[in-house]
Amino acid sequence: MLFLALGLALSLPASAVFKCRTGDTVTYRDTPCDGGELLDLKTAPVSGDGEGERQAARDKKMLNNLERERHKHEAAEQRELKRASRESAVRHKKCAAHARRQRLAKEDAARAVGIANEKARRKVERITAEYEAECGRWYERELGFAK
């Protein structure tokens, strides 16, 4: 008990803060000094006007609005990604069909002889022009054949 009482007695002055002036220098100590003043460092009581609660409510409302906007933007981005994916799939299918027609026309031209060869070669040129107009190098880049 004696040690507990002694410990409490020694810790009490530590809770006090004294402002001491020495010439132009100001120091703060936990022990009294000549001409020093005791500072009251108790926290000010919380005002009961509710301004903090109103500010918290405004902040919460703003946070909810920002979160709602973020969700709207994320949903719009997801819709745009799905639309772009569908368009890419359609274009991929169309270009694959053009490439298949071009490959088959080239095979037919390679097997044709005489006048049929000339006709098949013109057909390959027309199909190749259609392929280039529709797909260009896009399809080859999609498949990883681009140089």
N, C-alpha and C. Protein backbone atom coordinates (compact mmCIF):
# COMPACT_ATOMS: atom_id res chain seq x y z
N MET A 1 0.83 -1.19 0.00
CA MET A 1 0.00 0.00 0.00
C MET A 1 0.87 1.25 0.00
N LEU A 2 1.96 1.18 0.73
CA LEU A 2 2.83 2.34 0.84
C LEU A 2 3.44 2.68 -0.53
N PHE A 3 3.84 1.64 -1.25
CA PHE A 3 4.43 1.88 -2.57
C PHE A 3 3.39 2.42 -3.55
N LEU A 4 2.16 1.96 -3.43
CA LEU A 4 1.08 2.45 -4.29
C LEU A 4 0.81 3.91 -4.01
N ALA A 5 0.75 4.29 -2.76
CA ALA A 5 0.50 5.68 -2.39
C ALA A 5 1.66 6.55 -2.85
N LEU A 6 2.89 6.07 -2.71
CA LEU A 6 4.06 6.82 -3.14
C LEU A 6 4.06 7.00 -4.66
N GLY A 7 3.67 5.94 -5.38
CA GLY A 7 3.58 6.03 -6.85
C GLY A 7 2.55 7.03 -7.30
N LEU A 8 1.40 7.06 -6.63
CA LEU A 8 0.37 8.04 -6.98
C LEU A 8 0.83 9.45 -6.67
N ALA A 9 1.49 9.65 -5.56
CA ALA A 9 1.96 10.97 -5.18
C ALA A 9 2.99 11.49 -6.18
N LEU A 10 3.84 10.62 -6.70
CA LEU A 10 4.86 11.04 -7.66
C LEU A 10 4.28 11.29 -9.05
N SER A 11 3.19 10.63 -9.39
CA SER A 11 2.61 10.80 -10.72
C SER A 11 1.71 12.01 -10.81
N LEU A 12 1.24 12.54 -9.70
CA LEU A 12 0.37 13.72 -9.74
C LEU A 12 1.04 14.93 -10.33
N PRO A 13 2.26 15.30 -9.95
CA PRO A 13 2.87 16.47 -10.54
C PRO A 13 3.09 16.31 -12.05
N ALA A 14 3.20 15.10 -12.53
CA ALA A 14 3.41 14.88 -13.96
C ALA A 14 2.20 15.32 -14.77
N SER A 15 1.05 15.40 -14.16
CA SER A 15 -0.13 15.81 -14.90
C SER A 15 -0.21 17.32 -15.02
N ALA A 16 0.59 18.06 -14.23
CA ALA A 16 0.60 19.51 -14.30
C ALA A 16 1.67 19.95 -15.29
N VAL A 17 1.39 21.04 -16.02
CA VAL A 17 2.35 21.59 -16.97
C VAL A 17 2.56 23.05 -16.61
N PHE A 18 3.84 23.44 -16.48
CA PHE A 18 4.19 24.80 -16.14
C PHE A 18 4.89 25.45 -17.32
N LYS A 19 4.52 26.70 -17.60
CA LYS A 19 5.14 27.48 -18.66
C LYS A 19 6.18 28.38 -18.00
N CYS A 20 7.43 28.20 -18.35
CA CYS A 20 8.51 28.96 -17.73
C CYS A 20 9.19 29.82 -18.78
N ARG A 21 9.45 31.08 -18.42
CA ARG A 21 10.14 32.02 -19.30
C ARG A 21 11.51 32.33 -18.72
N THR A 22 12.51 32.21 -19.57
CA THR A 22 13.87 32.59 -19.20
C THR A 22 14.38 33.49 -20.31
N GLY A 23 14.32 34.78 -20.10
CA GLY A 23 14.71 35.73 -21.15
C GLY A 23 13.71 35.65 -22.29
N ASP A 24 14.22 35.34 -23.48
CA ASP A 24 13.36 35.21 -24.66
C ASP A 24 12.92 33.76 -24.90
N THR A 25 13.36 32.85 -24.08
CA THR A 25 13.09 31.43 -24.26
C THR A 25 11.90 31.00 -23.41
N VAL A 26 11.01 30.22 -24.00
CA VAL A 26 9.86 29.66 -23.30
C VAL A 26 10.03 28.15 -23.27
N THR A 27 9.92 27.59 -22.07
CA THR A 27 9.99 26.14 -21.93
C THR A 27 8.78 25.65 -21.16
N TYR A 28 8.47 24.40 -21.33
CA TYR A 28 7.35 23.77 -20.63
C TYR A 28 7.91 22.63 -19.80
N ARG A 29 7.51 22.60 -18.52
CA ARG A 29 8.04 21.58 -17.61
C ARG A 29 6.91 21.02 -16.77
N ASP A 30 7.20 19.89 -16.15
CA ASP A 30 6.21 19.30 -15.25
C ASP A 30 6.51 19.64 -13.79
N THR A 31 7.55 20.43 -13.55
CA THR A 31 7.86 20.90 -12.20
C THR A 31 7.76 22.41 -12.17
N PRO A 32 7.37 22.97 -11.03
CA PRO A 32 7.24 24.42 -10.96
C PRO A 32 8.59 25.12 -11.13
N CYS A 33 8.53 26.36 -11.64
CA CYS A 33 9.73 27.16 -11.81
C CYS A 33 9.45 28.57 -11.30
N ASP A 34 10.52 29.38 -11.09
CA ASP A 34 10.35 30.75 -10.62
C ASP A 34 9.62 31.56 -11.67
N GLY A 35 8.53 32.18 -11.30
CA GLY A 35 7.76 33.02 -12.21
C GLY A 35 6.98 32.23 -13.25
N GLY A 36 6.92 30.92 -13.12
CA GLY A 36 6.19 30.11 -14.08
C GLY A 36 4.70 30.09 -13.80
N GLU A 37 3.94 29.80 -14.82
CA GLU A 37 2.50 29.74 -14.62
C GLU A 37 1.99 28.33 -14.91
N LEU A 38 1.04 27.90 -14.14
CA LEU A 38 0.44 26.59 -14.30
C LEU A 38 -0.56 26.66 -15.45
N LEU A 39 -0.43 25.76 -16.42
CA LEU A 39 -1.35 25.74 -17.57
C LEU A 39 -2.45 24.73 -17.33
N ASP A 40 -3.66 25.11 -17.67
CA ASP A 40 -4.80 24.20 -17.56
C ASP A 40 -5.00 23.55 -18.92
N LEU A 41 -4.67 22.28 -19.02
CA LEU A 41 -4.73 21.58 -20.30
C LEU A 41 -5.96 20.68 -20.43
N LYS A 42 -6.94 20.94 -19.63
CA LYS A 42 -8.15 20.12 -19.74
C LYS A 42 -8.81 20.41 -21.08
N THR A 43 -9.38 19.39 -21.66
CA THR A 43 -10.04 19.59 -22.94
C THR A 43 -11.33 20.35 -22.73
N ALA A 44 -11.65 21.15 -23.72
CA ALA A 44 -12.88 21.94 -23.65
C ALA A 44 -14.07 21.01 -23.76
N PRO A 45 -15.13 21.33 -23.07
CA PRO A 45 -16.31 20.47 -23.18
C PRO A 45 -16.88 20.52 -24.59
N VAL A 46 -17.43 19.42 -25.00
CA VAL A 46 -18.04 19.32 -26.32
C VAL A 46 -19.31 20.14 -26.32
N SER A 47 -19.42 20.99 -27.34
CA SER A 47 -20.62 21.83 -27.40
C SER A 47 -21.82 20.96 -27.76
N GLY A 48 -22.92 21.30 -27.23
CA GLY A 48 -24.13 20.51 -27.46
C GLY A 48 -24.99 21.07 -28.58
N ASP A 49 -24.39 21.92 -29.45
CA ASP A 49 -25.20 22.51 -30.51
C ASP A 49 -25.46 21.55 -31.66
N GLY A 50 -24.79 20.41 -31.70
CA GLY A 50 -25.06 19.38 -32.71
C GLY A 50 -24.39 19.66 -34.04
N GLU A 51 -23.49 20.64 -34.14
CA GLU A 51 -22.84 20.96 -35.40
C GLU A 51 -22.01 19.77 -35.91
N GLY A 52 -21.34 19.10 -34.99
CA GLY A 52 -20.56 17.92 -35.38
C GLY A 52 -21.44 16.83 -35.97
N GLU A 53 -22.60 16.63 -35.37
CA GLU A 53 -23.51 15.59 -35.89
C GLU A 53 -24.06 15.99 -37.25
N ARG A 54 -24.34 17.28 -37.42
CA ARG A 54 -24.84 17.74 -38.73
C ARG A 54 -23.76 17.58 -39.79
N GLN A 55 -22.51 17.90 -39.43
CA GLN A 55 -21.41 17.74 -40.38
C GLN A 55 -21.21 16.26 -40.72
N ALA A 56 -21.31 15.41 -39.72
CA ALA A 56 -21.18 13.97 -39.97
C ALA A 56 -22.29 13.48 -40.90
N ALA A 57 -23.51 13.98 -40.70
CA ALA A 57 -24.62 13.59 -41.57
C ALA A 57 -24.38 14.08 -43.00
N ARG A 58 -23.86 15.32 -43.14
CA ARG A 58 -23.56 15.84 -44.49
C ARG A 58 -22.47 15.01 -45.15
N ASP A 59 -21.44 14.67 -44.37
CA ASP A 59 -20.35 13.84 -44.91
C ASP A 59 -20.86 12.47 -45.35
N LYS A 60 -21.72 11.89 -44.54
CA LYS A 60 -22.27 10.57 -44.87
C LYS A 60 -23.11 10.64 -46.14
N LYS A 61 -23.89 11.70 -46.27
CA LYS A 61 -24.72 11.87 -47.46
C LYS A 61 -23.84 12.04 -48.70
N MET A 62 -22.77 12.84 -48.57
CA MET A 62 -21.87 13.05 -49.69
C MET A 62 -21.18 11.73 -50.07
N LEU A 63 -20.77 10.97 -49.07
CA LEU A 63 -20.14 9.69 -49.31
C LEU A 63 -21.08 8.74 -50.05
N ASN A 64 -22.34 8.70 -49.62
CA ASN A 64 -23.33 7.84 -50.29
C ASN A 64 -23.54 8.27 -51.73
N ASN A 65 -23.59 9.60 -51.97
CA ASN A 65 -23.76 10.09 -53.34
C ASN A 65 -22.57 9.72 -54.21
N LEU A 66 -21.36 9.88 -53.67
CA LEU A 66 -20.16 9.52 -54.43
C LEU A 66 -20.12 8.03 -54.73
N GLU A 67 -20.51 7.23 -53.77
CA GLU A 67 -20.52 5.78 -53.98
C GLU A 67 -21.56 5.39 -55.03
N ARG A 68 -22.71 6.03 -54.99
CA ARG A 68 -23.75 5.76 -55.99
C ARG A 68 -23.25 6.14 -57.39
N GLU A 69 -22.57 7.28 -57.50
CA GLU A 69 -22.01 7.70 -58.79
C GLU A 69 -20.96 6.71 -59.27
N ARG A 70 -20.12 6.23 -58.36
CA ARG A 70 -19.10 5.25 -58.74
C ARG A 70 -19.74 3.98 -59.26
N HIS A 71 -20.80 3.53 -58.61
CA HIS A 71 -21.50 2.32 -59.07
C HIS A 71 -22.12 2.54 -60.44
N LYS A 72 -22.67 3.74 -60.67
CA LYS A 72 -23.25 4.04 -61.98
C LYS A 72 -22.18 4.00 -63.07
N HIS A 73 -21.01 4.59 -62.79
CA HIS A 73 -19.93 4.59 -63.77
C HIS A 73 -19.41 3.18 -64.02
N GLU A 74 -19.29 2.39 -62.97
CA GLU A 74 -18.83 1.01 -63.14
C GLU A 74 -19.82 0.21 -63.98
N ALA A 75 -21.10 0.41 -63.74
CA ALA A 75 -22.12 -0.30 -64.52
C ALA A 75 -22.06 0.12 -65.99
N ALA A 76 -21.87 1.42 -66.23
CA ALA A 76 -21.77 1.91 -67.61
C ALA A 76 -20.53 1.32 -68.29
N GLU A 77 -19.43 1.24 -67.58
CA GLU A 77 -18.23 0.64 -68.15
C GLU A 77 -18.44 -0.83 -68.48
N GLN A 78 -19.13 -1.55 -67.60
CA GLN A 78 -19.41 -2.97 -67.86
C GLN A 78 -20.28 -3.14 -69.09
N ARG A 79 -21.30 -2.28 -69.22
CA ARG A 79 -22.16 -2.34 -70.41
C ARG A 79 -21.35 -2.08 -71.67
N GLU A 80 -20.46 -1.08 -71.62
CA GLU A 80 -19.64 -0.74 -72.78
C GLU A 80 -18.70 -1.90 -73.14
N LEU A 81 -18.12 -2.53 -72.13
CA LEU A 81 -17.24 -3.67 -72.39
C LEU A 81 -18.00 -4.83 -73.03
N LYS A 82 -19.21 -5.10 -72.54
CA LYS A 82 -20.02 -6.17 -73.13
C LYS A 82 -20.38 -5.85 -74.58
N ARG A 83 -20.76 -4.58 -74.84
CA ARG A 83 -21.12 -4.17 -76.20
C ARG A 83 -19.91 -4.33 -77.12
N ALA A 84 -18.75 -3.87 -76.68
CA ALA A 84 -17.54 -3.98 -77.50
C ALA A 84 -17.18 -5.44 -77.74
N SER A 85 -17.38 -6.27 -76.73
CA SER A 85 -17.08 -7.69 -76.88
C SER A 85 -18.01 -8.33 -77.91
N ARG A 86 -19.31 -7.97 -77.85
CA ARG A 86 -20.26 -8.52 -78.83
C ARG A 86 -19.89 -8.07 -80.25
N GLU A 87 -19.56 -6.78 -80.40
CA GLU A 87 -19.17 -6.26 -81.72
C GLU A 87 -17.93 -6.96 -82.24
N SER A 88 -16.97 -7.19 -81.36
CA SER A 88 -15.74 -7.87 -81.76
C SER A 88 -16.04 -9.31 -82.19
N ALA A 89 -16.93 -9.97 -81.47
CA ALA A 89 -17.28 -11.35 -81.83
C ALA A 89 -17.96 -11.40 -83.20
N VAL A 90 -18.85 -10.45 -83.46
CA VAL A 90 -19.54 -10.40 -84.76
C VAL A 90 -18.53 -10.16 -85.87
N ARG A 91 -17.63 -9.19 -85.64
CA ARG A 91 -16.63 -8.89 -86.67
C ARG A 91 -15.70 -10.09 -86.88
N HIS A 92 -15.34 -10.73 -85.80
CA HIS A 92 -14.47 -11.91 -85.90
C HIS A 92 -15.13 -13.00 -86.76
N LYS A 93 -16.40 -13.24 -86.51
CA LYS A 93 -17.13 -14.26 -87.27
C LYS A 93 -17.20 -13.90 -88.75
N LYS A 94 -17.48 -12.62 -89.03
CA LYS A 94 -17.59 -12.15 -90.41
C LYS A 94 -16.24 -12.27 -91.13
N CYS A 95 -15.17 -11.86 -90.46
CA CYS A 95 -13.85 -11.93 -91.08
C CYS A 95 -13.38 -13.37 -91.24
N ALA A 96 -13.77 -14.24 -90.33
CA ALA A 96 -13.43 -15.66 -90.47
C ALA A 96 -14.10 -16.24 -91.70
N ALA A 97 -15.35 -15.84 -91.94
CA ALA A 97 -16.06 -16.31 -93.14
C ALA A 97 -15.38 -15.79 -94.40
N HIS A 98 -14.99 -14.51 -94.41
CA HIS A 98 -14.27 -13.95 -95.57
C HIS A 98 -12.96 -14.70 -95.79
N ALA A 99 -12.22 -14.97 -94.72
CA ALA A 99 -10.94 -15.67 -94.84
C ALA A 99 -11.15 -17.08 -95.38
N ARG A 100 -12.21 -17.74 -94.93
CA ARG A 100 -12.51 -19.09 -95.42
C ARG A 100 -12.84 -19.06 -96.91
N ARG A 101 -13.66 -18.08 -97.33
CA ARG A 101 -13.99 -17.95 -98.76
C ARG A 101 -12.74 -17.69 -99.59
N GLN A 102 -11.85 -16.83 -99.05
CA GLN A 102 -10.61 -16.52 -99.77
C GLN A 102 -9.73 -17.76 -99.90
N ARG A 103 -9.59 -18.53 -98.82
CA ARG A 103 -8.77 -19.74 -98.84
C ARG A 103 -9.32 -20.76 -99.85
N LEU A 104 -10.65 -20.96 -99.83
CA LEU A 104 -11.26 -21.91 -100.76
C LEU A 104 -11.11 -21.45 -102.20
N ALA A 105 -11.24 -20.15 -102.45
CA ALA A 105 -11.09 -19.62 -103.81
C ALA A 105 -9.65 -19.81 -104.30
N LYS A 106 -8.69 -19.64 -103.40
CA LYS A 106 -7.29 -19.85 -103.79
C LYS A 106 -7.04 -21.32 -104.11
N GLU A 107 -7.64 -22.21 -103.32
CA GLU A 107 -7.50 -23.65 -103.60
C GLU A 107 -8.12 -24.00 -104.94
N ASP A 108 -9.30 -23.44 -105.24
CA ASP A 108 -9.95 -23.69 -106.54
C ASP A 108 -9.09 -23.17 -107.68
N ALA A 109 -8.49 -21.99 -107.49
CA ALA A 109 -7.65 -21.42 -108.56
C ALA A 109 -6.41 -22.27 -108.78
N ALA A 110 -5.89 -22.87 -107.72
CA ALA A 110 -4.69 -23.70 -107.87
C ALA A 110 -5.00 -24.99 -108.63
N ARG A 111 -6.23 -25.49 -108.54
CA ARG A 111 -6.60 -26.73 -109.22
C ARG A 111 -7.13 -26.48 -110.65
N ALA A 112 -7.54 -25.27 -110.92
CA ALA A 112 -8.15 -24.99 -112.23
C ALA A 112 -7.06 -24.88 -113.31
N VAL A 113 -7.47 -25.26 -114.54
CA VAL A 113 -6.54 -25.19 -115.68
C VAL A 113 -7.22 -24.43 -116.81
N GLY A 114 -6.40 -23.83 -117.66
CA GLY A 114 -6.91 -23.16 -118.85
C GLY A 114 -7.72 -21.91 -118.50
N ILE A 115 -8.88 -21.76 -119.21
CA ILE A 115 -9.74 -20.60 -119.02
C ILE A 115 -10.34 -20.59 -117.61
N ALA A 116 -10.59 -21.72 -117.05
CA ALA A 116 -11.14 -21.81 -115.69
C ALA A 116 -10.14 -21.24 -114.68
N ASN A 117 -8.84 -21.40 -114.98
CA ASN A 117 -7.82 -20.85 -114.08
C ASN A 117 -7.90 -19.33 -114.06
N GLU A 118 -8.06 -18.70 -115.22
CA GLU A 118 -8.16 -17.24 -115.29
C GLU A 118 -9.40 -16.75 -114.54
N LYS A 119 -10.50 -17.44 -114.74
CA LYS A 119 -11.75 -17.07 -114.06
C LYS A 119 -11.59 -17.23 -112.54
N ALA A 120 -10.97 -18.31 -112.09
CA ALA A 120 -10.78 -18.57 -110.66
C ALA A 120 -9.82 -17.53 -110.07
N ARG A 121 -8.80 -17.11 -110.85
CA ARG A 121 -7.86 -16.10 -110.36
C ARG A 121 -8.55 -14.76 -110.16
N ARG A 122 -9.45 -14.37 -111.09
CA ARG A 122 -10.22 -13.12 -110.94
C ARG A 122 -11.14 -13.21 -109.72
N LYS A 123 -11.72 -14.38 -109.50
CA LYS A 123 -12.58 -14.58 -108.33
C LYS A 123 -11.77 -14.40 -107.03
N VAL A 124 -10.56 -14.94 -107.00
CA VAL A 124 -9.69 -14.79 -105.83
C VAL A 124 -9.40 -13.31 -105.61
N GLU A 125 -9.13 -12.56 -106.67
CA GLU A 125 -8.83 -11.13 -106.54
C GLU A 125 -10.03 -10.37 -105.96
N ARG A 126 -11.24 -10.70 -106.46
CA ARG A 126 -12.45 -10.04 -105.96
C ARG A 126 -12.68 -10.37 -104.48
N ILE A 127 -12.53 -11.63 -104.13
CA ILE A 127 -12.75 -12.05 -102.74
C ILE A 127 -11.69 -11.43 -101.83
N THR A 128 -10.45 -11.36 -102.33
CA THR A 128 -9.38 -10.73 -101.54
C THR A 128 -9.67 -9.26 -101.34
N ALA A 129 -10.16 -8.57 -102.36
CA ALA A 129 -10.51 -7.15 -102.23
C ALA A 129 -11.64 -6.97 -101.21
N GLU A 130 -12.65 -7.85 -101.26
CA GLU A 130 -13.74 -7.78 -100.27
C GLU A 130 -13.19 -7.99 -98.86
N TYR A 131 -12.31 -8.98 -98.73
CA TYR A 131 -11.72 -9.29 -97.42
C TYR A 131 -10.94 -8.08 -96.89
N GLU A 132 -10.12 -7.49 -97.75
CA GLU A 132 -9.32 -6.33 -97.33
C GLU A 132 -10.23 -5.15 -96.98
N ALA A 133 -11.30 -4.95 -97.75
CA ALA A 133 -12.20 -3.84 -97.47
C ALA A 133 -12.95 -4.04 -96.15
N GLU A 134 -13.39 -5.24 -95.89
CA GLU A 134 -14.17 -5.52 -94.68
C GLU A 134 -13.29 -5.65 -93.43
N CYS A 135 -12.19 -6.37 -93.59
CA CYS A 135 -11.40 -6.72 -92.41
C CYS A 135 -10.03 -6.06 -92.38
N GLY A 136 -9.51 -5.72 -93.53
CA GLY A 136 -8.17 -5.14 -93.56
C GLY A 136 -7.19 -6.07 -92.87
N ARG A 137 -6.34 -5.48 -92.07
CA ARG A 137 -5.38 -6.29 -91.31
C ARG A 137 -5.90 -6.57 -89.91
N TRP A 138 -7.12 -6.12 -89.61
CA TRP A 138 -7.68 -6.30 -88.26
C TRP A 138 -7.73 -7.77 -87.87
N TYR A 139 -8.26 -8.58 -88.78
CA TYR A 139 -8.45 -10.00 -88.47
C TYR A 139 -7.12 -10.69 -88.24
N GLU A 140 -6.14 -10.36 -89.06
CA GLU A 140 -4.82 -10.96 -88.90
C GLU A 140 -4.20 -10.53 -87.56
N ARG A 141 -4.39 -9.26 -87.18
CA ARG A 141 -3.88 -8.80 -85.88
C ARG A 141 -4.59 -9.51 -84.76
N GLU A 142 -5.90 -9.72 -84.89
CA GLU A 142 -6.68 -10.43 -83.87
C GLU A 142 -6.16 -11.85 -83.67
N LEU A 143 -5.80 -12.49 -84.78
CA LEU A 143 -5.33 -13.87 -84.69
C LEU A 143 -3.84 -13.96 -84.37
N GLY A 144 -3.16 -12.82 -84.38
CA GLY A 144 -1.73 -12.80 -84.06
C GLY A 144 -0.84 -13.06 -85.26
N PHE A 145 -1.35 -12.86 -86.49
CA PHE A 145 -0.56 -13.07 -87.70
C PHE A 145 0.10 -11.80 -88.20
N ALA A 146 -0.17 -10.67 -87.55
CA ALA A 146 0.34 -9.38 -88.03
C ALA A 146 1.86 -9.36 -87.94
N LYS A 147 2.48 -8.67 -88.86
CA LYS A 147 3.94 -8.58 -88.90
C LYS A 147 4.38 -7.34 -88.19
